[in-house]
C-alpha atoms as a PDB file:
ATOM      1  CA  UNK A   1       0.000   0.000   0.000  1.00  0.00           C
ATOM      2  CA  UNK A   2       1.328   3.448  -0.909  1.00  0.00           C
ATOM      3  CA  UNK A   3       2.487   5.589   1.971  1.00  0.00           C
ATOM      4  CA  UNK A   4       0.438   8.610   2.918  1.00  0.00           C
ATOM      5  CA  UNK A   5       1.527  11.691   0.992  1.00  0.00           C
ATOM      6  CA  UNK A   6       3.818  14.061   2.824  1.00  0.00           C
ATOM      7  CA  UNK A   7       2.996  17.649   3.649  1.00  0.00           C
ATOM      8  CA  UNK A   8       2.362  19.852   0.684  1.00  0.00           C
ATOM      9  CA  UNK A   9      -0.278  21.305  -1.563  1.00  0.00           C
ATOM     10  CA  UNK A  10      -3.791  19.965  -2.103  1.00  0.00           C
ATOM     11  CA  UNK A  11      -4.351  19.338  -5.810  1.00  0.00           C
ATOM     12  CA  UNK A  12      -7.910  20.670  -5.586  1.00  0.00           C
ATOM     13  CA  UNK A  13      -8.048  23.698  -3.281  1.00  0.00           C
ATOM     14  CA  UNK A  14      -4.301  24.490  -3.719  1.00  0.00           C
ATOM     15  CA  UNK A  15      -3.803  25.260  -0.010  1.00  0.00           C
ATOM     16  CA  UNK A  16      -0.772  23.889   1.834  1.00  0.00           C
ATOM     17  CA  UNK A  17      -1.133  21.370   4.662  1.00  0.00           C
ATOM     18  CA  UNK A  18       1.072  19.503   7.106  1.00  0.00           C
ATOM     19  CA  UNK A  19      -0.988  16.355   6.486  1.00  0.00           C
ATOM     20  CA  UNK A  20      -2.494  15.188   3.207  1.00  0.00           C
ATOM     21  CA  UNK A  21      -4.304  12.028   2.143  1.00  0.00           C
ATOM     22  CA  UNK A  22      -4.878  10.158  -1.090  1.00  0.00           C
ATOM     23  CA  UNK A  23      -7.981  10.790  -3.166  1.00  0.00           C
ATOM     24  CA  UNK A  24      -9.139   8.656  -6.079  1.00  0.00           C
ATOM     25  CA  UNK A  25      -9.431  11.083  -8.993  1.00  0.00           C
ATOM     26  CA  UNK A  26     -12.051   8.806 -10.533  1.00  0.00           C
ATOM     27  CA  UNK A  27     -14.209   7.509  -7.653  1.00  0.00           C
ATOM     28  CA  UNK A  28     -13.705   3.851  -6.743  1.00  0.00           C
ATOM     29  CA  UNK A  29     -17.415   3.027  -6.924  1.00  0.00           C
ATOM     30  CA  UNK A  30     -17.623   4.485 -10.424  1.00  0.00           C
ATOM     31  CA  UNK A  31     -15.496   1.690 -11.917  1.00  0.00           C
ATOM     32  CA  UNK A  32     -17.530  -0.960 -13.719  1.00  0.00           C
ATOM     33  CA  UNK A  33     -17.473  -4.543 -12.526  1.00  0.00           C
ATOM     34  CA  UNK A  34     -15.603  -5.476 -15.720  1.00  0.00           C
ATOM     35  CA  UNK A  35     -12.620  -3.308 -14.749  1.00  0.00           C
ATOM     36  CA  UNK A  36      -9.413  -5.410 -14.639  1.00  0.00           C
ATOM     37  CA  UNK A  37      -8.453  -6.260 -11.069  1.00  0.00           C
ATOM     38  CA  UNK A  38      -4.838  -5.180 -11.583  1.00  0.00           C
ATOM     39  CA  UNK A  39      -5.714  -1.774 -13.046  1.00  0.00           C
ATOM     40  CA  UNK A  40      -3.827   1.038 -11.307  1.00  0.00           C
ATOM     41  CA  UNK A  41      -6.388   3.586 -10.153  1.00  0.00           C
ATOM     42  CA  UNK A  42      -5.367   7.237 -10.293  1.00  0.00           C
ATOM     43  CA  UNK A  43      -4.776   8.911  -6.920  1.00  0.00           C
ATOM     44  CA  UNK A  44      -3.589  12.404  -5.969  1.00  0.00           C
ATOM     45  CA  UNK A  45      -2.734  14.143  -2.674  1.00  0.00           C
ATOM     46  CA  UNK A  46      -5.510  16.264  -1.235  1.00  0.00           C
ATOM     47  CA  UNK A  47      -6.682  17.715   2.059  1.00  0.00           C
ATOM     48  CA  UNK A  48      -9.295  16.124   4.303  1.00  0.00           C
ATOM     49  CA  UNK A  49     -11.909  18.829   3.630  1.00  0.00           C
ATOM     50  CA  UNK A  50     -11.705  18.383  -0.155  1.00  0.00           C
ATOM     51  CA  UNK A  51     -11.735  14.611   0.198  1.00  0.00           C
ATOM     52  CA  UNK A  52     -14.903  14.686   2.306  1.00  0.00           C
ATOM     53  CA  UNK A  53     -16.650  17.299   0.164  1.00  0.00           C
ATOM     54  CA  UNK A  54     -16.026  15.520  -3.130  1.00  0.00           C
ATOM     55  CA  UNK A  55     -16.866  12.132  -1.641  1.00  0.00           C
ATOM     56  CA  UNK A  56     -20.348  13.350  -0.709  1.00  0.00           C
ATOM     57  CA  UNK A  57     -20.837  14.976  -4.111  1.00  0.00           C
ATOM     58  CA  UNK A  58     -19.682  11.834  -5.945  1.00  0.00           C
ATOM     59  CA  UNK A  59     -22.065   9.624  -3.972  1.00  0.00           C
ATOM     60  CA  UNK A  60     -25.014  11.783  -4.978  1.00  0.00           C
ATOM     61  CA  UNK A  61     -23.967  11.913  -8.636  1.00  0.00           C
ATOM     62  CA  UNK A  62     -23.396   8.151  -8.738  1.00  0.00           C
ATOM     63  CA  UNK A  63     -27.027   7.638  -7.754  1.00  0.00           C
ATOM     64  CA  UNK A  64     -28.436  10.180 -10.189  1.00  0.00           C
ATOM     65  CA  UNK A  65     -26.235   9.324 -13.172  1.00  0.00           C
ATOM     66  CA  UNK A  66     -26.012   5.618 -12.398  1.00  0.00           C
ATOM     67  CA  UNK A  67     -29.785   5.206 -12.495  1.00  0.00           C
ATOM     68  CA  UNK A  68     -29.685   6.520 -16.056  1.00  0.00           C
ATOM     69  CA  UNK A  69     -27.329   3.897 -17.517  1.00  0.00           C
ATOM     70  CA  UNK A  70     -28.415   0.580 -18.950  1.00  0.00           C
ATOM     71  CA  UNK A  71     -27.418  -2.661 -17.296  1.00  0.00           C
ATOM     72  CA  UNK A  72     -26.028  -3.884 -20.627  1.00  0.00           C
ATOM     73  CA  UNK A  73     -23.995  -0.789 -21.500  1.00  0.00           C
ATOM     74  CA  UNK A  74     -20.439  -2.109 -22.123  1.00  0.00           C
ATOM     75  CA  UNK A  75     -18.673   0.582 -20.103  1.00  0.00           C
ATOM     76  CA  UNK A  76     -21.178   0.615 -17.257  1.00  0.00           C
ATOM     77  CA  UNK A  77     -21.531  -2.978 -16.099  1.00  0.00           C
ATOM     78  CA  UNK A  78     -22.683  -3.012 -12.483  1.00  0.00           C
ATOM     79  CA  UNK A  79     -23.071   0.772 -12.224  1.00  0.00           C
ATOM     80  CA  UNK A  80     -26.884   0.778 -12.081  1.00  0.00           C
ATOM     81  CA  UNK A  81     -26.781  -1.805  -9.288  1.00  0.00           C
ATOM     82  CA  UNK A  82     -24.235   0.274  -7.366  1.00  0.00           C
ATOM     83  CA  UNK A  83     -26.472   3.326  -7.755  1.00  0.00           C
ATOM     84  CA  UNK A  84     -29.494   1.477  -6.382  1.00  0.00           C
ATOM     85  CA  UNK A  85     -27.532   0.067  -3.447  1.00  0.00           C
ATOM     86  CA  UNK A  86     -26.067   3.472  -2.635  1.00  0.00           C
ATOM     87  CA  UNK A  87     -29.511   5.072  -2.806  1.00  0.00           C
ATOM     88  CA  UNK A  88     -30.854   2.535  -0.305  1.00  0.00           C
ATOM     89  CA  UNK A  89     -27.879   2.837   2.059  1.00  0.00           C
ATOM     90  CA  UNK A  90     -28.232   6.602   2.185  1.00  0.00           C
ATOM     91  CA  UNK A  91     -32.004   6.452   2.650  1.00  0.00           C
ATOM     92  CA  UNK A  92     -32.706   8.475  -0.481  1.00  0.00           C
ATOM     93  CA  UNK A  93     -35.291   6.177  -2.078  1.00  0.00           C
ATOM     94  CA  UNK A  94     -38.314   8.110  -0.842  1.00  0.00           C
ATOM     95  CA  UNK A  95     -36.765  11.460  -1.734  1.00  0.00           C
ATOM     96  CA  UNK A  96     -35.980  10.389  -5.301  1.00  0.00           C
ATOM     97  CA  UNK A  97     -39.409   8.824  -5.819  1.00  0.00           C
ATOM     98  CA  UNK A  98     -41.026  12.100  -4.776  1.00  0.00           C
ATOM     99  CA  UNK A  99     -38.722  13.986  -7.140  1.00  0.00           C
ATOM    100  CA  UNK A 100     -39.519  11.649 -10.043  1.00  0.00           C
ATOM    101  CA  UNK A 101     -43.251  12.021  -9.415  1.00  0.00           C
ATOM    102  CA  UNK A 102     -42.946  15.822  -9.453  1.00  0.00           C
ATOM    103  CA  UNK A 103     -40.806  15.909 -12.601  1.00  0.00           C
ATOM    104  CA  UNK A 104     -43.136  13.525 -14.474  1.00  0.00           C
ATOM    105  CA  UNK A 105     -45.927  16.050 -14.072  1.00  0.00           C
ATOM    106  CA  UNK A 106     -43.880  18.819 -15.700  1.00  0.00           C
ATOM    107  CA  UNK A 107     -43.016  19.249 -19.405  1.00  0.00           C
ATOM    108  CA  UNK A 108     -39.268  18.747 -19.857  1.00  0.00           C
ATOM    109  CA  UNK A 109     -37.658  20.702 -22.723  1.00  0.00           C
ATOM    110  CA  UNK A 110     -35.557  18.397 -24.951  1.00  0.00           C
ATOM    111  CA  UNK A 111     -32.558  20.719 -24.634  1.00  0.00           C
ATOM    112  CA  UNK A 112     -32.515  20.168 -20.888  1.00  0.00           C
ATOM    113  CA  UNK A 113     -31.868  16.421 -21.246  1.00  0.00           C
ATOM    114  CA  UNK A 114     -28.339  15.245 -20.561  1.00  0.00           C
ATOM    115  CA  UNK A 115     -26.932  13.897 -23.825  1.00  0.00           C
ATOM    116  CA  UNK A 116     -26.848  10.089 -24.183  1.00  0.00           C
ATOM    117  CA  UNK A 117     -29.021   9.528 -21.116  1.00  0.00           C
ATOM    118  CA  UNK A 118     -32.344   9.228 -22.919  1.00  0.00           C
ATOM    119  CA  UNK A 119     -35.086   9.115 -23.807  1.00  0.00           C
ATOM    120  CA  UNK A 120     -34.564   5.770 -25.539  1.00  0.00           C
ATOM    121  CA  UNK A 121     -37.197   4.598 -28.014  1.00  0.00           C
ATOM    122  CA  UNK A 122     -40.318   3.229 -26.393  1.00  0.00           C
ATOM    123  CA  UNK A 123     -38.667   2.173 -23.145  1.00  0.00           C
ATOM    124  CA  UNK A 124     -40.327   3.559 -20.047  1.00  0.00           C
ATOM    125  CA  UNK A 125     -38.010   6.025 -18.319  1.00  0.00           C
ATOM    126  CA  UNK A 126     -38.276   8.356 -15.392  1.00  0.00           C
ATOM    127  CA  UNK A 127     -36.746  11.818 -15.082  1.00  0.00           C
ATOM    128  CA  UNK A 128     -34.103  12.473 -12.429  1.00  0.00           C
ATOM    129  CA  UNK A 129     -32.528  15.897 -12.026  1.00  0.00           C
ATOM    130  CA  UNK A 130     -28.756  16.284 -12.295  1.00  0.00           C
ATOM    131  CA  UNK A 131     -27.649  19.435 -10.423  1.00  0.00           C
ATOM    132  CA  UNK A 132     -25.470  21.467 -12.788  1.00  0.00           C
ATOM    133  CA  UNK A 133     -23.346  22.758  -9.948  1.00  0.00           C
ATOM    134  CA  UNK A 134     -22.523  19.248  -8.725  1.00  0.00           C
ATOM    135  CA  UNK A 135     -21.743  17.889 -12.175  1.00  0.00           C
ATOM    136  CA  UNK A 136     -19.513  20.814 -13.125  1.00  0.00           C
ATOM    137  CA  UNK A 137     -17.697  20.719  -9.769  1.00  0.00           C
ATOM    138  CA  UNK A 138     -17.043  17.002 -10.254  1.00  0.00           C
ATOM    139  CA  UNK A 139     -15.677  17.469 -13.794  1.00  0.00           C
ATOM    140  CA  UNK A 140     -13.410  20.313 -12.669  1.00  0.00           C
ATOM    141  CA  UNK A 141     -12.156  18.060  -9.878  1.00  0.00           C
ATOM    142  CA  UNK A 142     -11.393  15.381 -12.482  1.00  0.00           C
ATOM    143  CA  UNK A 143      -9.519  17.875 -14.654  1.00  0.00           C
ATOM    144  CA  UNK A 144      -7.367  19.116 -11.775  1.00  0.00           C
ATOM    145  CA  UNK A 145      -6.474  15.566 -10.772  1.00  0.00           C
ATOM    146  CA  UNK A 146      -5.802  14.336 -14.299  1.00  0.00           C
ATOM    147  CA  UNK A 147      -3.694  17.395 -15.099  1.00  0.00           C
ATOM    148  CA  UNK A 148      -1.587  16.836 -11.979  1.00  0.00           C
ATOM    149  CA  UNK A 149      -0.943  13.191 -12.873  1.00  0.00           C
ATOM    150  CA  UNK A 150      -0.214  13.772 -16.550  1.00  0.00           C
ATOM    151  CA  UNK A 151       1.733  17.038 -16.496  1.00  0.00           C
ATOM    152  CA  UNK A 152       2.870  17.166 -12.830  1.00  0.00           C
ATOM    153  CA  UNK A 153       1.459  20.656 -12.540  1.00  0.00           C
ATOM    154  CA  UNK A 154      -1.334  22.400 -10.678  1.00  0.00           C
ATOM    155  CA  UNK A 155      -4.138  24.328 -12.308  1.00  0.00           C
ATOM    156  CA  UNK A 156      -3.932  27.568 -10.379  1.00  0.00           C
ATOM    157  CA  UNK A 157      -6.974  29.534  -9.252  1.00  0.00           C
ATOM    158  CA  UNK A 158      -6.394  32.288 -11.808  1.00  0.00           C
ATOM    159  CA  UNK A 159      -6.764  29.761 -14.631  1.00  0.00           C
ATOM    160  CA  UNK A 160     -10.050  29.353 -16.500  1.00  0.00           C
ATOM    161  CA  UNK A 161     -11.729  25.946 -16.871  1.00  0.00           C
ATOM    162  CA  UNK A 162     -14.611  26.055 -19.359  1.00  0.00           C
ATOM    163  CA  UNK A 163     -16.833  23.003 -19.805  1.00  0.00           C
ATOM    164  CA  UNK A 164     -18.949  21.787 -22.707  1.00  0.00           C
ATOM    165  CA  UNK A 165     -21.320  18.801 -22.644  1.00  0.00           C
ATOM    166  CA  UNK A 166     -21.696  17.854 -26.326  1.00  0.00           C
ATOM    167  CA  UNK A 167     -23.990  15.535 -28.217  1.00  0.00           C
ATOM    168  CA  UNK A 168     -22.620  12.089 -29.044  1.00  0.00           C
ATOM    169  CA  UNK A 169     -21.564  12.751 -32.664  1.00  0.00           C
ATOM    170  CA  UNK A 170     -19.873  16.044 -31.820  1.00  0.00           C
ATOM    171  CA  UNK A 171     -17.970  14.388 -28.975  1.00  0.00           C
ATOM    172  CA  UNK A 172     -16.789  11.504 -31.143  1.00  0.00           C
ATOM    173  CA  UNK A 173     -15.571  13.800 -33.923  1.00  0.00           C
ATOM    174  CA  UNK A 174     -13.576  16.082 -31.635  1.00  0.00           C
ATOM    175  CA  UNK A 175     -12.122  13.174 -29.637  1.00  0.00           C
ATOM    176  CA  UNK A 176     -10.961  11.440 -32.819  1.00  0.00           C
ATOM    177  CA  UNK A 177      -9.269  14.628 -34.017  1.00  0.00           C
ATOM    178  CA  UNK A 178      -7.466  15.069 -30.703  1.00  0.00           C
ATOM    179  CA  UNK A 179      -6.349  11.445 -30.614  1.00  0.00           C
ATOM    180  CA  UNK A 180      -5.075  11.301 -34.208  1.00  0.00           C
ATOM    181  CA  UNK A 181      -3.274  14.628 -34.325  1.00  0.00           C
ATOM    182  CA  UNK A 182      -1.835  15.857 -31.036  1.00  0.00           C
ATOM    183  CA  UNK A 183      -3.702  14.143 -28.266  1.00  0.00           C
ATOM    184  CA  UNK A 184      -2.659  11.599 -25.670  1.00  0.00           C
ATOM    185  CA  UNK A 185      -5.278   9.056 -24.672  1.00  0.00           C
ATOM    186  CA  UNK A 186      -5.569   7.263 -21.340  1.00  0.00           C
ATOM    187  CA  UNK A 187      -8.050   4.520 -20.464  1.00  0.00           C
ATOM    188  CA  UNK A 188      -8.930   3.366 -16.963  1.00  0.00           C
ATOM    189  CA  UNK A 189     -10.641   0.185 -17.995  1.00  0.00           C
ATOM    190  CA  UNK A 190     -14.010   0.475 -19.735  1.00  0.00           C
ATOM    191  CA  UNK A 191     -15.283   3.187 -17.370  1.00  0.00           C
ATOM    192  CA  UNK A 192     -13.069   6.194 -18.100  1.00  0.00           C
ATOM    193  CA  UNK A 193     -11.378   7.441 -21.257  1.00  0.00           C
ATOM    194  CA  UNK A 194      -9.426  10.691 -21.332  1.00  0.00           C
ATOM    195  CA  UNK A 195      -7.843  12.396 -24.324  1.00  0.00           C
ATOM    196  CA  UNK A 196      -5.822  15.562 -23.766  1.00  0.00           C
ATOM    197  CA  UNK A 197      -3.817  17.985 -25.847  1.00  0.00           C
ATOM    198  CA  UNK A 198      -1.784  21.035 -24.836  1.00  0.00           C
ATOM    199  CA  UNK A 199       0.114  23.845 -26.494  1.00  0.00           C
ATOM    200  CA  UNK A 200       3.902  23.660 -26.297  1.00  0.00           C
ATOM    201  CA  UNK A 201       4.037  25.989 -23.327  1.00  0.00           C
ATOM    202  CA  UNK A 202       1.069  24.219 -21.653  1.00  0.00           C
ATOM    203  CA  UNK A 203      -0.738  27.552 -21.403  1.00  0.00           C
ATOM    204  CA  UNK A 204      -3.814  26.047 -23.071  1.00  0.00           C
ATOM    205  CA  UNK A 205      -5.124  22.504 -22.818  1.00  0.00           C
ATOM    206  CA  UNK A 206      -8.139  20.633 -24.136  1.00  0.00           C
ATOM    207  CA  UNK A 207      -9.521  17.536 -22.427  1.00  0.00           C
ATOM    208  CA  UNK A 208     -12.068  15.063 -23.717  1.00  0.00           C
ATOM    209  CA  UNK A 209     -13.583  12.883 -20.987  1.00  0.00           C
ATOM    210  CA  UNK A 210     -15.858   9.908 -21.519  1.00  0.00           C
ATOM    211  CA  UNK A 211     -17.409   8.101 -18.534  1.00  0.00           C
ATOM    212  CA  UNK A 212     -19.115   4.703 -18.959  1.00  0.00           C
ATOM    213  CA  UNK A 213     -19.224   5.386 -22.696  1.00  0.00           C
ATOM    214  CA  UNK A 214     -22.162   7.731 -22.034  1.00  0.00           C
ATOM    215  CA  UNK A 215     -21.257  10.915 -20.177  1.00  0.00           C
ATOM    216  CA  UNK A 216     -19.086  13.029 -22.457  1.00  0.00           C
ATOM    217  CA  UNK A 217     -17.554  16.406 -21.683  1.00  0.00           C
ATOM    218  CA  UNK A 218     -14.886  18.707 -23.077  1.00  0.00           C
ATOM    219  CA  UNK A 219     -12.838  20.931 -20.803  1.00  0.00           C
ATOM    220  CA  UNK A 220     -10.818  23.903 -22.032  1.00  0.00           C
ATOM    221  CA  UNK A 221      -8.125  25.105 -19.637  1.00  0.00           C
ATOM    222  CA  UNK A 222      -6.420  28.461 -20.089  1.00  0.00           C
ATOM    223  CA  UNK A 223      -3.649  29.187 -17.629  1.00  0.00           C
ATOM    224  CA  UNK A 224      -2.394  32.550 -16.498  1.00  0.00           C
ATOM    225  CA  UNK A 225       0.302  31.006 -14.351  1.00  0.00           C
ATOM    226  CA  UNK A 226       1.704  27.500 -14.216  1.00  0.00           C
ATOM    227  CA  UNK A 227       2.546  25.959 -10.860  1.00  0.00           C
ATOM    228  CA  UNK A 228       4.983  23.059 -11.032  1.00  0.00           C
ATOM    229  CA  UNK A 229       4.829  20.395  -8.313  1.00  0.00           C
ATOM    230  CA  UNK A 230       7.901  19.311  -6.421  1.00  0.00           C
END
């Protein structure tokens, strides 16, 4: 087992601490059951407050996003079951049923649907809200962690991280262009695929993230300053 990280800087909040702990950049429960047992899971040093805050956020998003994936989706085997179990453990079943009942009674604009999460043909589906703030905070957390592992640098607070949640075809086209021309691609089993490309001075970076083969997002990072880890 890896030793606890020494004192230093939290990858997420960028504050310095005498004691840090490891955080899984991609949450452990978010890995599909078909993930190879020997796969090395990405971890970065972070503070206790960030670890606790993101853990709570990731549990909520696992339930809400996980209930929207199919049990036969290749990159999401076991995720729906994990979402249901987590919902029951946290006592959120009644709350979500009430939310679904309320949302079913309201017209939902097509543009408000999260891409690749339905509706699907004639299958019966139920609406579940995905808080924008939670989803964007989670993706920015991913970007900070991935950037630290790949480039050994921090994304400082004066940098801009812009997010875009594209439709499936748009995502596939851009990801293919990044991969073929200048991008580097990393796969954490079937659950997470990341393609990234940076300018020579690393002042600008583009990330393509694909989770479970369904949730797709682009992140555009523009740095004002570059902090190198030691």
